[in-house]
Protein backbone atom coordinates (compact mmCIF):
# COMPACT_ATOMS: atom_id res chain seq x y z
CA MET A 1 8.08 16.85 -10.59
CA THR A 2 6.57 13.86 -8.83
CA ASP A 3 4.22 14.53 -5.93
CA PHE A 4 3.42 10.89 -5.21
CA VAL A 5 3.78 7.35 -6.56
CA VAL A 6 1.05 4.70 -6.70
CA ASP A 7 2.02 1.04 -7.08
CA TYR A 8 -0.17 -1.12 -9.30
CA LYS A 9 -2.52 -3.45 -7.42
CA ASN A 10 -5.03 -4.38 -10.13
CA ALA A 11 -3.01 -3.72 -13.29
CA GLN A 12 -0.41 -6.26 -14.35
CA ASN A 13 1.78 -3.92 -16.40
CA PRO A 14 2.17 -0.25 -17.38
CA GLN A 15 0.13 -0.63 -20.58
CA GLU A 16 -2.85 -2.04 -18.68
CA ALA A 17 -2.59 0.67 -16.01
CA PHE A 18 -2.40 3.34 -18.72
CA GLU A 19 -5.59 2.05 -20.38
CA ILE A 20 -7.45 1.84 -17.06
CA VAL A 21 -6.59 5.43 -16.18
CA LYS A 22 -7.20 6.64 -19.74
CA ASN A 23 -10.70 5.17 -19.66
CA TYR A 24 -11.43 6.70 -16.25
CA ILE A 25 -9.80 10.13 -16.45
CA THR A 26 -11.70 11.63 -19.35
CA PRO A 27 -13.00 15.14 -20.00
CA ALA A 28 -16.53 13.89 -19.24
CA ASN A 29 -15.53 12.47 -15.83
CA ILE A 30 -13.55 15.58 -14.94
CA ALA A 31 -16.43 17.87 -15.98
CA LYS A 32 -18.49 16.69 -13.01
CA TYR A 33 -15.93 18.47 -10.80
CA LYS A 34 -16.63 21.67 -12.77
CA VAL A 35 -13.10 21.70 -14.18
CA LYS A 36 -12.28 22.11 -17.84
CA ALA A 37 -9.14 20.34 -18.95
CA GLU A 38 -7.37 19.34 -22.12
CA PHE A 39 -5.92 15.85 -22.12
CA ASP A 40 -3.01 14.35 -24.01
CA TYR A 41 -2.62 10.57 -24.01
CA ASP A 42 0.78 9.25 -25.13
CA PRO A 43 0.72 5.44 -24.85
CA SER A 44 4.12 4.98 -26.52
CA ASN A 45 5.77 6.91 -23.66
CA GLY A 46 3.27 5.88 -20.97
CA LEU A 47 2.33 9.48 -20.27
CA ILE A 48 -1.00 11.19 -19.60
CA THR A 49 -1.09 14.95 -19.20
CA ALA A 50 -3.98 17.25 -18.41
CA SER A 51 -3.97 21.01 -18.28
CA GLY A 52 -6.56 23.61 -17.50
CA LYS A 53 -6.90 27.05 -16.04
CA GLY A 54 -4.38 27.19 -13.23
CA PHE A 55 -3.14 23.60 -13.21
CA SER A 56 -1.27 20.87 -15.02
CA LEU A 57 -1.27 17.18 -14.14
CA THR A 58 1.21 14.55 -15.34
CA MET A 59 1.01 10.80 -14.91
CA GLN A 60 4.08 8.80 -15.95
CA PHE A 61 3.60 5.02 -16.01
CA SER A 62 6.59 2.83 -15.19
CA GLU A 63 6.98 -0.93 -14.81
CA SER A 64 5.27 -1.25 -11.42
CA SER A 65 3.88 2.19 -10.54
CA VAL A 66 2.66 5.55 -11.77
CA ASP A 67 4.33 8.84 -10.83
CA VAL A 68 1.85 11.68 -10.45
CA GLY A 69 2.73 15.36 -10.48
CA LEU A 70 0.44 18.35 -10.03
CA ASP A 71 1.46 21.94 -10.72
CA LEU A 72 -0.86 24.70 -9.53
CA THR A 73 -0.89 28.45 -9.88
CA PHE A 74 -0.30 30.58 -6.82
CA LEU A 75 -4.02 31.03 -6.13
CA LEU A 76 -4.69 27.28 -6.15
CA LYS A 77 -1.64 26.20 -4.09
CA PRO A 78 -3.59 26.15 -0.78
CA LEU A 79 -5.76 23.37 -2.27
CA LYS A 80 -2.84 21.19 -3.37
CA GLY A 81 -2.96 18.78 -0.42
CA LYS A 82 -6.67 18.14 -0.80
CA LEU A 83 -6.41 17.75 -4.58
CA LEU A 84 -3.47 15.36 -4.33
CA GLY A 85 -5.34 13.28 -1.76
CA SER A 86 -8.35 12.96 -4.05
CA ILE A 87 -6.21 12.10 -7.07
CA ARG A 88 -4.20 9.52 -5.12
CA LYS A 89 -7.37 7.86 -3.83
CA GLU A 90 -8.96 7.62 -7.29
CA VAL A 91 -5.81 6.38 -9.03
CA ALA A 92 -5.07 3.79 -6.33
CA ARG A 93 -8.64 2.53 -6.44
CA HIS A 94 -8.48 1.85 -10.18
CA ILE A 95 -4.98 0.54 -10.79
């Protein structure tokens, strides 16, 4: 399920956007938000997934944009708007 789409501004193609996001969204960078997550990077399908306690994040890279989806457990749903806003801002800033 896609929650929002970000068009590429800095990246020229999906492979470049994938690498930019892969280098930014790492377990070390996410740890500063006090969140533990497991990441799966699939460059052949242009897909990055992250999952942790109570959430899963998917980023699907297409020709000119990335589709981002965030699934949260019931207890975290009230934070979805704020989390999506932060994710959108960070992704848009980098790609």
